[in-house]
Amino acid sequence: MMGYEATEVKLQISFGKGKDGFWSNVFPSHLVQEFQKDIKKFGKVLKVVHFLEIVFALVPVWLLLKIFFFSKGFGDKMVYPLMALFLGTGIHIFPLNSSRG
């Protein structure tokens, strides 16, 4: 594209402190193991949201997590920190729509 080639980027992120709050995408942690089922389910939910984007366009993320019965801890410790990082919203993520994040 435009004379440049795409190259793979190995992004490493981590959040939290201590055994019950720390997690990373680089290696397993207690928190990742604790929410392993939710993480897998969240991947499936994102596919549904993508397929039904018009339906979820105005649904805030906090409501999406409630609709699909995710725990409050999963949202607080995993979903919201990731969204804040990748969307550059800081802590102001609650009003964001789920389809466009």
PDB file of N, CA and C in Angstrom:
ATOM      1  N   MET A   1       0.837  -1.170   0.000  1.00  0.00           N
ATOM      2  CA  MET A   1       0.000   0.000   0.000  1.00  0.00           C
ATOM      3  C   MET A   1       0.884   1.236   0.000  1.00  0.00           C
ATOM      4  N   MET A   2       0.707   2.083  -0.946  1.00  0.00           N
ATOM      5  CA  MET A   2       1.417   3.346  -1.053  1.00  0.00           C
ATOM      6  C   MET A   2       2.933   3.167  -1.014  1.00  0.00           C
ATOM      7  N   GLY A   3       3.422   2.032  -1.507  1.00  0.00           N
ATOM      8  CA  GLY A   3       4.850   1.797  -1.559  1.00  0.00           C
ATOM      9  C   GLY A   3       5.449   1.223  -0.287  1.00  0.00           C
ATOM     10  N   TYR A   4       4.625   0.933   0.701  1.00  0.00           N
ATOM     11  CA  TYR A   4       5.112   0.374   1.962  1.00  0.00           C
ATOM     12  C   TYR A   4       4.581  -1.038   2.134  1.00  0.00           C
ATOM     13  N   GLU A   5       5.380  -1.870   2.763  1.00  0.00           N
ATOM     14  CA  GLU A   5       4.929  -3.217   3.073  1.00  0.00           C
ATOM     15  C   GLU A   5       4.515  -3.289   4.539  1.00  0.00           C
ATOM     16  N   ALA A   6       3.480  -4.068   4.774  1.00  0.00           N
ATOM     17  CA  ALA A   6       3.039  -4.271   6.152  1.00  0.00           C
ATOM     18  C   ALA A   6       4.003  -5.220   6.852  1.00  0.00           C
ATOM     19  N   THR A   7       4.298  -4.921   8.084  1.00  0.00           N
ATOM     20  CA  THR A   7       5.150  -5.808   8.880  1.00  0.00           C
ATOM     21  C   THR A   7       4.424  -6.175  10.159  1.00  0.00           C
ATOM     22  N   GLU A   8       4.703  -7.367  10.651  1.00  0.00           N
ATOM     23  CA  GLU A   8       4.082  -7.845  11.868  1.00  0.00           C
ATOM     24  C   GLU A   8       4.609  -7.066  13.073  1.00  0.00           C
ATOM     25  N   VAL A   9       3.699  -6.750  13.970  1.00  0.00           N
ATOM     26  CA  VAL A   9       4.060  -6.047  15.195  1.00  0.00           C
ATOM     27  C   VAL A   9       3.735  -6.965  16.364  1.00  0.00           C
ATOM     28  N   LYS A  10       4.670  -7.139  17.250  1.00  0.00           N
ATOM     29  CA  LYS A  10       4.438  -7.973  18.429  1.00  0.00           C
ATOM     30  C   LYS A  10       4.183  -7.068  19.622  1.00  0.00           C
ATOM     31  N   LEU A  11       2.916  -6.729  19.801  1.00  0.00           N
ATOM     32  CA  LEU A  11       2.502  -5.834  20.869  1.00  0.00           C
ATOM     33  C   LEU A  11       2.381  -6.613  22.171  1.00  0.00           C
ATOM     34  N   GLN A  12       3.053  -6.145  23.195  1.00  0.00           N
ATOM     35  CA  GLN A  12       2.986  -6.767  24.505  1.00  0.00           C
ATOM     36  C   GLN A  12       2.340  -5.792  25.475  1.00  0.00           C
ATOM     37  N   ILE A  13       1.282  -6.262  26.135  1.00  0.00           N
ATOM     38  CA  ILE A  13       0.584  -5.408  27.087  1.00  0.00           C
ATOM     39  C   ILE A  13       0.440  -6.136  28.417  1.00  0.00           C
ATOM     40  N   SER A  14       0.293  -5.376  29.477  1.00  0.00           N
ATOM     41  CA  SER A  14      -0.001  -5.956  30.784  1.00  0.00           C
ATOM     42  C   SER A  14      -0.752  -4.928  31.615  1.00  0.00           C
ATOM     43  N   PHE A  15      -1.577  -5.436  32.528  1.00  0.00           N
ATOM     44  CA  PHE A  15      -2.398  -4.593  33.384  1.00  0.00           C
ATOM     45  C   PHE A  15      -2.372  -5.115  34.807  1.00  0.00           C
ATOM     46  N   GLY A  16      -2.661  -4.263  35.746  1.00  0.00           N
ATOM     47  CA  GLY A  16      -2.885  -4.642  37.125  1.00  0.00           C
ATOM     48  C   GLY A  16      -1.636  -4.914  37.933  1.00  0.00           C
ATOM     49  N   LYS A  17      -1.884  -5.230  39.195  1.00  0.00           N
ATOM     50  CA  LYS A  17      -0.811  -5.522  40.142  1.00  0.00           C
ATOM     51  C   LYS A  17      -1.211  -6.710  40.996  1.00  0.00           C
ATOM     52  N   GLY A  18      -0.236  -7.433  41.450  1.00  0.00           N
ATOM     53  CA  GLY A  18      -0.483  -8.546  42.362  1.00  0.00           C
ATOM     54  C   GLY A  18      -1.066  -9.763  41.663  1.00  0.00           C
ATOM     55  N   LYS A  19      -1.146 -10.848  42.404  1.00  0.00           N
ATOM     56  CA  LYS A  19      -1.605 -12.120  41.843  1.00  0.00           C
ATOM     57  C   LYS A  19      -3.031 -12.044  41.303  1.00  0.00           C
ATOM     58  N   ASP A  20      -3.920 -11.342  42.011  1.00  0.00           N
ATOM     59  CA  ASP A  20      -5.321 -11.303  41.609  1.00  0.00           C
ATOM     60  C   ASP A  20      -5.668 -10.192  40.638  1.00  0.00           C
ATOM     61  N   GLY A  21      -4.725  -9.331  40.305  1.00  0.00           N
ATOM     62  CA  GLY A  21      -5.034  -8.219  39.420  1.00  0.00           C
ATOM     63  C   GLY A  21      -4.186  -8.133  38.172  1.00  0.00           C
ATOM     64  N   PHE A  22      -3.040  -8.817  38.144  1.00  0.00           N
ATOM     65  CA  PHE A  22      -2.122  -8.710  37.018  1.00  0.00           C
ATOM     66  C   PHE A  22      -2.493  -9.679  35.908  1.00  0.00           C
ATOM     67  N   TRP A  23      -2.401  -9.199  34.662  1.00  0.00           N
ATOM     68  CA  TRP A  23      -2.500 -10.093  33.511  1.00  0.00           C
ATOM     69  C   TRP A  23      -1.754  -9.489  32.332  1.00  0.00           C
ATOM     70  N   SER A  24      -1.375 -10.366  31.410  1.00  0.00           N
ATOM     71  CA  SER A  24      -0.585  -9.968  30.250  1.00  0.00           C
ATOM     72  C   SER A  24      -0.972 -10.833  29.060  1.00  0.00           C
ATOM     73  N   ASN A  25      -0.742 -10.341  27.864  1.00  0.00           N
ATOM     74  CA  ASN A  25      -0.972 -11.158  26.676  1.00  0.00           C
ATOM     75  C   ASN A  25       0.270 -11.959  26.300  1.00  0.00           C
ATOM     76  N   VAL A  26       1.325 -11.859  27.078  1.00  0.00           N
ATOM     77  CA  VAL A  26       2.592 -12.524  26.758  1.00  0.00           C
ATOM     78  C   VAL A  26       2.700 -13.888  27.423  1.00  0.00           C
ATOM     79  N   PHE A  27       2.239 -13.991  28.655  1.00  0.00           N
ATOM     80  CA  PHE A  27       2.342 -15.258  29.371  1.00  0.00           C
ATOM     81  C   PHE A  27       1.126 -15.439  30.277  1.00  0.00           C
ATOM     82  N   PRO A  28       0.840 -16.675  30.664  1.00  0.00           N
ATOM     83  CA  PRO A  28      -0.339 -16.944  31.494  1.00  0.00           C
ATOM     84  C   PRO A  28      -0.233 -16.272  32.865  1.00  0.00           C
ATOM     85  N   SER A  29      -1.373 -15.950  33.422  1.00  0.00           N
ATOM     86  CA  SER A  29      -1.426 -15.390  34.765  1.00  0.00           C
ATOM     87  C   SER A  29      -2.651 -15.954  35.473  1.00  0.00           C
ATOM     88  N   HIS A  30      -2.725 -15.733  36.760  1.00  0.00           N
ATOM     89  CA  HIS A  30      -3.861 -16.209  37.551  1.00  0.00           C
ATOM     90  C   HIS A  30      -5.170 -15.624  37.020  1.00  0.00           C
ATOM     91  N   LEU A  31      -5.161 -14.347  36.665  1.00  0.00           N
ATOM     92  CA  LEU A  31      -6.371 -13.685  36.193  1.00  0.00           C
ATOM     93  C   LEU A  31      -6.836 -14.242  34.846  1.00  0.00           C
ATOM     94  N   VAL A  32      -5.909 -14.523  33.960  1.00  0.00           N
ATOM     95  CA  VAL A  32      -6.264 -15.109  32.662  1.00  0.00           C
ATOM     96  C   VAL A  32      -6.869 -16.495  32.869  1.00  0.00           C
ATOM     97  N   GLN A  33      -6.300 -17.267  33.765  1.00  0.00           N
ATOM     98  CA  GLN A  33      -6.858 -18.591  34.062  1.00  0.00           C
ATOM     99  C   GLN A  33      -8.245 -18.469  34.682  1.00  0.00           C
ATOM    100  N   GLU A  34      -8.418 -17.506  35.569  1.00  0.00           N
ATOM    101  CA  GLU A  34      -9.708 -17.303  36.229  1.00  0.00           C
ATOM    102  C   GLU A  34     -10.809 -16.976  35.227  1.00  0.00           C
ATOM    103  N   PHE A  35     -10.498 -16.164  34.234  1.00  0.00           N
ATOM    104  CA  PHE A  35     -11.498 -15.727  33.252  1.00  0.00           C
ATOM    105  C   PHE A  35     -11.387 -16.453  31.915  1.00  0.00           C
ATOM    106  N   GLN A  36     -10.756 -17.612  31.889  1.00  0.00           N
ATOM    107  CA  GLN A  36     -10.526 -18.333  30.642  1.00  0.00           C
ATOM    108  C   GLN A  36     -11.826 -18.602  29.877  1.00  0.00           C
ATOM    109  N   LYS A  37     -12.873 -19.024  30.573  1.00  0.00           N
ATOM    110  CA  LYS A  37     -14.159 -19.293  29.912  1.00  0.00           C
ATOM    111  C   LYS A  37     -14.774 -18.007  29.371  1.00  0.00           C
ATOM    112  N   ASP A  38     -14.681 -16.919  30.153  1.00  0.00           N
ATOM    113  CA  ASP A  38     -15.216 -15.632  29.708  1.00  0.00           C
ATOM    114  C   ASP A  38     -14.451 -15.102  28.489  1.00  0.00           C
ATOM    115  N   ILE A  39     -13.156 -15.317  28.469  1.00  0.00           N
ATOM    116  CA  ILE A  39     -12.339 -14.858  27.337  1.00  0.00           C
ATOM    117  C   ILE A  39     -12.769 -15.569  26.059  1.00  0.00           C
ATOM    118  N   LYS A  40     -12.956 -16.869  26.155  1.00  0.00           N
ATOM    119  CA  LYS A  40     -13.391 -17.649  24.985  1.00  0.00           C
ATOM    120  C   LYS A  40     -14.791 -17.215  24.547  1.00  0.00           C
ATOM    121  N   LYS A  41     -15.682 -17.041  25.521  1.00  0.00           N
ATOM    122  CA  LYS A  41     -17.044 -16.606  25.221  1.00  0.00           C
ATOM    123  C   LYS A  41     -17.048 -15.206  24.615  1.00  0.00           C
ATOM    124  N   PHE A  42     -16.184 -14.331  25.113  1.00  0.00           N
ATOM    125  CA  PHE A  42     -16.119 -12.964  24.600  1.00  0.00           C
ATOM    126  C   PHE A  42     -15.731 -12.947  23.124  1.00  0.00           C
ATOM    127  N   GLY A  43     -14.831 -13.833  22.727  1.00  0.00           N
ATOM    128  CA  GLY A  43     -14.466 -13.944  21.310  1.00  0.00           C
ATOM    129  C   GLY A  43     -15.667 -14.287  20.450  1.00  0.00           C
ATOM    130  N   LYS A  44     -16.510 -15.186  20.942  1.00  0.00           N
ATOM    131  CA  LYS A  44     -17.729 -15.559  20.202  1.00  0.00           C
ATOM    132  C   LYS A  44     -18.722 -14.400  20.165  1.00  0.00           C
ATOM    133  N   VAL A  45     -18.839 -13.688  21.282  1.00  0.00           N
ATOM    134  CA  VAL A  45     -19.746 -12.533  21.343  1.00  0.00           C
ATOM    135  C   VAL A  45     -19.307 -11.461  20.354  1.00  0.00           C
ATOM    136  N   LEU A  46     -18.011 -11.233  20.230  1.00  0.00           N
ATOM    137  CA  LEU A  46     -17.528 -10.237  19.272  1.00  0.00           C
ATOM    138  C   LEU A  46     -17.899 -10.604  17.842  1.00  0.00           C
ATOM    139  N   LYS A  47     -17.912 -11.881  17.537  1.00  0.00           N
ATOM    140  CA  LYS A  47     -18.349 -12.316  16.198  1.00  0.00           C
ATOM    141  C   LYS A  47     -19.829 -12.012  15.983  1.00  0.00           C
ATOM    142  N   VAL A  48     -20.650 -12.227  17.016  1.00  0.00           N
ATOM    143  CA  VAL A  48     -22.082 -11.907  16.938  1.00  0.00           C
ATOM    144  C   VAL A  48     -22.269 -10.404  16.757  1.00  0.00           C
ATOM    145  N   VAL A  49     -21.539  -9.616  17.524  1.00  0.00           N
ATOM    146  CA  VAL A  49     -21.635  -8.152  17.433  1.00  0.00           C
ATOM    147  C   VAL A  49     -21.238  -7.688  16.035  1.00  0.00           C
ATOM    148  N   HIS A  50     -20.185  -8.288  15.486  1.00  0.00           N
ATOM    149  CA  HIS A  50     -19.750  -7.918  14.139  1.00  0.00           C
ATOM    150  C   HIS A  50     -20.822  -8.270  13.109  1.00  0.00           C
ATOM    151  N   PHE A  51     -21.419  -9.437  13.237  1.00  0.00           N
ATOM    152  CA  PHE A  51     -22.439  -9.892  12.283  1.00  0.00           C
ATOM    153  C   PHE A  51     -23.707  -9.046  12.386  1.00  0.00           C
ATOM    154  N   LEU A  52     -24.080  -8.660  13.603  1.00  0.00           N
ATOM    155  CA  LEU A  52     -25.301  -7.878  13.837  1.00  0.00           C
ATOM    156  C   LEU A  52     -24.960  -6.435  14.224  1.00  0.00           C
ATOM    157  N   GLU A  53     -24.011  -5.858  13.530  1.00  0.00           N
ATOM    158  CA  GLU A  53     -23.499  -4.537  13.878  1.00  0.00           C
ATOM    159  C   GLU A  53     -24.594  -3.485  13.985  1.00  0.00           C
ATOM    160  N   ILE A  54     -25.563  -3.529  13.115  1.00  0.00           N
ATOM    161  CA  ILE A  54     -26.636  -2.524  13.144  1.00  0.00           C
ATOM    162  C   ILE A  54     -27.438  -2.636  14.432  1.00  0.00           C
ATOM    163  N   VAL A  55     -27.658  -3.844  14.903  1.00  0.00           N
ATOM    164  CA  VAL A  55     -28.410  -4.054  16.134  1.00  0.00           C
ATOM    165  C   VAL A  55     -27.632  -3.522  17.345  1.00  0.00           C
ATOM    166  N   PHE A  56     -26.315  -3.755  17.357  1.00  0.00           N
ATOM    167  CA  PHE A  56     -25.495  -3.382  18.505  1.00  0.00           C
ATOM    168  C   PHE A  56     -24.864  -1.992  18.396  1.00  0.00           C
ATOM    169  N   ALA A  57     -25.185  -1.256  17.356  1.00  0.00           N
ATOM    170  CA  ALA A  57     -24.541   0.037  17.120  1.00  0.00           C
ATOM    171  C   ALA A  57     -24.718   1.020  18.272  1.00  0.00           C
ATOM    172  N   LEU A  58     -25.831   0.983  18.935  1.00  0.00           N
ATOM    173  CA  LEU A  58     -26.092   1.929  20.015  1.00  0.00           C
ATOM    174  C   LEU A  58     -26.063   1.288  21.400  1.00  0.00           C
ATOM    175  N   VAL A  59     -25.625   0.050  21.473  1.00  0.00           N
ATOM    176  CA  VAL A  59     -25.567  -0.651  22.760  1.00  0.00           C
ATOM    177  C   VAL A  59     -24.227  -0.355  23.434  1.00  0.00           C
ATOM    178  N   PRO A  60     -24.248   0.234  24.623  1.00  0.00           N
ATOM    179  CA  PRO A  60     -22.983   0.496  25.317  1.00  0.00           C
ATOM    180  C   PRO A  60     -22.321  -0.820  25.752  1.00  0.00           C
ATOM    181  N   VAL A  61     -21.030  -0.773  25.919  1.00  0.00           N
ATOM    182  CA  VAL A  61     -20.264  -1.974  26.269  1.00  0.00           C
ATOM    183  C   VAL A  61     -20.742  -2.561  27.594  1.00  0.00           C
ATOM    184  N   TRP A  62     -21.004  -1.727  28.580  1.00  0.00           N
ATOM    185  CA  TRP A  62     -21.442  -2.252  29.879  1.00  0.00           C
ATOM    186  C   TRP A  62     -22.728  -3.052  29.739  1.00  0.00           C
ATOM    187  N   LEU A  63     -23.630  -2.612  28.841  1.00  0.00           N
ATOM    188  CA  LEU A  63     -24.886  -3.328  28.621  1.00  0.00           C
ATOM    189  C   LEU A  63     -24.641  -4.615  27.842  1.00  0.00           C
ATOM    190  N   LEU A  64     -23.745  -4.569  26.887  1.00  0.00           N
ATOM    191  CA  LEU A  64     -23.386  -5.775  26.135  1.00  0.00           C
ATOM    192  C   LEU A  64     -22.885  -6.860  27.086  1.00  0.00           C
ATOM    193  N   LEU A  65     -22.046  -6.468  28.034  1.00  0.00           N
ATOM    194  CA  LEU A  65     -21.524  -7.437  28.998  1.00  0.00           C
ATOM    195  C   LEU A  65     -22.647  -8.014  29.860  1.00  0.00           C
ATOM    196  N   LYS A  66     -23.632  -7.201  30.200  1.00  0.00           N
ATOM    197  CA  LYS A  66     -24.777  -7.687  30.985  1.00  0.00           C
ATOM    198  C   LYS A  66     -25.664  -8.606  30.150  1.00  0.00           C
ATOM    199  N   ILE A  67     -25.927  -8.221  28.895  1.00  0.00           N
ATOM    200  CA  ILE A  67     -26.792  -9.018  28.022  1.00  0.00           C
ATOM    201  C   ILE A  67     -26.256 -10.441  27.873  1.00  0.00           C
ATOM    202  N   PHE A  68     -24.952 -10.572  27.760  1.00  0.00           N
ATOM    203  CA  PHE A  68     -24.343 -11.884  27.558  1.00  0.00           C
ATOM    204  C   PHE A  68     -23.828 -12.497  28.867  1.00  0.00           C
ATOM    205  N   PHE A  69     -24.255 -11.948  30.007  1.00  0.00           N
ATOM    206  CA  PHE A  69     -23.995 -12.518  31.333  1.00  0.00           C
ATOM    207  C   PHE A  69     -22.509 -12.658  31.684  1.00  0.00           C
ATOM    208  N   PHE A  70     -21.725 -11.652  31.348  1.00  0.00           N
ATOM    209  CA  PHE A  70     -20.329 -11.628  31.785  1.00  0.00           C
ATOM    210  C   PHE A  70     -20.267 -11.097  33.211  1.00  0.00           C
ATOM    211  N   SER A  71     -19.298 -11.571  33.968  1.00  0.00           N
ATOM    212  CA  SER A  71     -19.159 -11.114  35.353  1.00  0.00           C
ATOM    213  C   SER A  71     -18.637  -9.675  35.387  1.00  0.00           C
ATOM    214  N   LYS A  72     -18.946  -8.989  36.477  1.00  0.00           N
ATOM    215  CA  LYS A  72     -18.471  -7.620  36.651  1.00  0.00           C
ATOM    216  C   LYS A  72     -16.941  -7.590  36.697  1.00  0.00           C
ATOM    217  N   GLY A  73     -16.339  -8.586  37.313  1.00  0.00           N
ATOM    218  CA  GLY A  73     -14.882  -8.670  37.400  1.00  0.00           C
ATOM    219  C   GLY A  73     -14.223  -8.781  36.037  1.00  0.00           C
ATOM    220  N   PHE A  74     -14.823  -9.535  35.141  1.00  0.00           N
ATOM    221  CA  PHE A  74     -14.274  -9.675  33.794  1.00  0.00           C
ATOM    222  C   PHE A  74     -14.279  -8.332  33.080  1.00  0.00           C
ATOM    223  N   GLY A  75     -15.377  -7.605  33.193  1.00  0.00           N
ATOM    224  CA  GLY A  75     -15.446  -6.283  32.574  1.00  0.00           C
ATOM    225  C   GLY A  75     -14.451  -5.318  33.195  1.00  0.00           C
ATOM    226  N   ASP A  76     -14.432  -5.274  34.528  1.00  0.00           N
ATOM    227  CA  ASP A  76     -13.576  -4.322  35.233  1.00  0.00           C
ATOM    228  C   ASP A  76     -12.089  -4.609  35.079  1.00  0.00           C
ATOM    229  N   LYS A  77     -11.718  -5.873  35.087  1.00  0.00           N
ATOM    230  CA  LYS A  77     -10.300  -6.227  35.090  1.00  0.00           C
ATOM    231  C   LYS A  77      -9.715  -6.538  33.714  1.00  0.00           C
ATOM    232  N   MET A  78     -10.578  -6.859  32.733  1.00  0.00           N
ATOM    233  CA  MET A  78     -10.037  -7.239  31.429  1.00  0.00           C
ATOM    234  C   MET A  78     -10.573  -6.383  30.274  1.00  0.00           C
ATOM    235  N   VAL A  79     -11.875  -6.283  30.142  1.00  0.00           N
ATOM    236  CA  VAL A  79     -12.470  -5.603  28.978  1.00  0.00           C
ATOM    237  C   VAL A  79     -12.238  -4.093  29.016  1.00  0.00           C
ATOM    238  N   TYR A  80     -12.593  -3.448  30.119  1.00  0.00           N
ATOM    239  CA  TYR A  80     -12.465  -1.992  30.185  1.00  0.00           C
ATOM    240  C   TYR A  80     -11.018  -1.493  30.072  1.00  0.00           C
ATOM    241  N   PRO A  81     -10.056  -2.142  30.741  1.00  0.00           N
ATOM    242  CA  PRO A  81      -8.667  -1.689  30.560  1.00  0.00           C
ATOM    243  C   PRO A  81      -8.181  -1.813  29.113  1.00  0.00           C
ATOM    244  N   LEU A  82      -8.554  -2.906  28.448  1.00  0.00           N
ATOM    245  CA  LEU A  82      -8.150  -3.068  27.040  1.00  0.00           C
ATOM    246  C   LEU A  82      -8.777  -1.992  26.162  1.00  0.00           C
ATOM    247  N   MET A  83     -10.044  -1.727  26.377  1.00  0.00           N
ATOM    248  CA  MET A  83     -10.709  -0.700  25.570  1.00  0.00           C
ATOM    249  C   MET A  83     -10.087   0.666  25.801  1.00  0.00           C
ATOM    250  N   ALA A  84      -9.800   0.974  27.050  1.00  0.00           N
ATOM    251  CA  ALA A  84      -9.187   2.265  27.361  1.00  0.00           C
ATOM    252  C   ALA A  84      -7.834   2.407  26.679  1.00  0.00           C
ATOM    253  N   LEU A  85      -7.073   1.321  26.639  1.00  0.00           N
ATOM    254  CA  LEU A  85      -5.761   1.360  25.997  1.00  0.00           C
ATOM    255  C   LEU A  85      -5.881   1.537  24.490  1.00  0.00           C
ATOM    256  N   PHE A  86      -6.649   0.694  23.847  1.00  0.00           N
ATOM    257  CA  PHE A  86      -6.693   0.704  22.387  1.00  0.00           C
ATOM    258  C   PHE A  86      -7.511   1.840  21.797  1.00  0.00           C
ATOM    259  N   LEU A  87      -8.465   2.352  22.555  1.00  0.00           N
ATOM    260  CA  LEU A  87      -9.273   3.457  22.034  1.00  0.00           C
ATOM    261  C   LEU A  87      -8.789   4.814  22.530  1.00  0.00           C
ATOM    262  N   GLY A  88      -7.849   4.800  23.456  1.00  0.00           N
ATOM    263  CA  GLY A  88      -7.290   6.049  23.958  1.00  0.00           C
ATOM    264  C   GLY A  88      -8.285   6.882  24.735  1.00  0.00           C
ATOM    265  N   THR A  89      -9.217   6.222  25.419  1.00  0.00           N
ATOM    266  CA  THR A  89     -10.260   6.944  26.125  1.00  0.00           C
ATOM    267  C   THR A  89      -9.959   7.151  27.597  1.00  0.00           C
ATOM    268  N   GLY A  90      -8.879   6.621  28.091  1.00  0.00           N
ATOM    269  CA  GLY A  90      -8.616   6.704  29.524  1.00  0.00           C
ATOM    270  C   GLY A  90      -9.666   5.916  30.275  1.00  0.00           C
ATOM    271  N   ILE A  91     -10.227   6.515  31.314  1.00  0.00           N
ATOM    272  CA  ILE A  91     -11.242   5.798  32.090  1.00  0.00           C
ATOM    273  C   ILE A  91     -12.660   6.077  31.603  1.00  0.00           C
ATOM    274  N   HIS A  92     -12.829   6.840  30.557  1.00  0.00           N
ATOM    275  CA  HIS A  92     -14.152   7.238  30.083  1.00  0.00           C
ATOM    276  C   HIS A  92     -14.666   6.277  29.022  1.00  0.00           C
ATOM    277  N   ILE A  93     -14.887   5.037  29.386  1.00  0.00           N
ATOM    278  CA  ILE A  93     -15.276   4.035  28.403  1.00  0.00           C
ATOM    279  C   ILE A  93     -16.726   3.602  28.509  1.00  0.00           C
ATOM    280  N   PHE A  94     -17.403   3.919  29.582  1.00  0.00           N
ATOM    281  CA  PHE A  94     -18.745   3.393  29.786  1.00  0.00           C
ATOM    282  C   PHE A  94     -19.767   3.829  28.742  1.00  0.00           C
ATOM    283  N   PRO A  95     -19.725   5.034  28.204  1.00  0.00           N
ATOM    284  CA  PRO A  95     -20.736   5.384  27.208  1.00  0.00           C
ATOM    285  C   PRO A  95     -20.432   4.889  25.796  1.00  0.00           C
ATOM    286  N   LEU A  96     -19.310   4.238  25.564  1.00  0.00           N
ATOM    287  CA  LEU A  96     -18.954   3.813  24.212  1.00  0.00           C
ATOM    288  C   LEU A  96     -19.861   2.707  23.704  1.00  0.00           C
ATOM    289  N   ASN A  97     -20.210   2.777  22.423  1.00  0.00           N
ATOM    290  CA  ASN A  97     -21.035   1.757  21.810  1.00  0.00           C
ATOM    291  C   ASN A  97     -20.237   0.494  21.570  1.00  0.00           C
ATOM    292  N   SER A  98     -20.901  -0.643  21.630  1.00  0.00           N
ATOM    293  CA  SER A  98     -20.199  -1.911  21.544  1.00  0.00           C
ATOM    294  C   SER A  98     -19.767  -2.277  20.126  1.00  0.00           C
ATOM    295  N   SER A  99     -20.464  -1.811  19.116  1.00  0.00           N
ATOM    296  CA  SER A  99     -20.104  -2.216  17.763  1.00  0.00           C
ATOM    297  C   SER A  99     -18.919  -1.433  17.204  1.00  0.00           C
ATOM    298  N   ARG A 100     -18.740  -0.219  17.621  1.00  0.00           N
ATOM    299  CA  ARG A 100     -17.626   0.588  17.139  1.00  0.00           C
ATOM    300  C   ARG A 100     -16.621   0.869  18.239  1.00  0.00           C
ATOM    301  N   GLY A 101     -16.963   0.401  19.472  1.00  0.00           N
ATOM    302  CA  GLY A 101     -16.078   0.533  20.615  1.00  0.00           C
ATOM    303  C   GLY A 101     -15.630   1.914  20.780  1.00  0.00           C
TER     304      GLY A 101
END
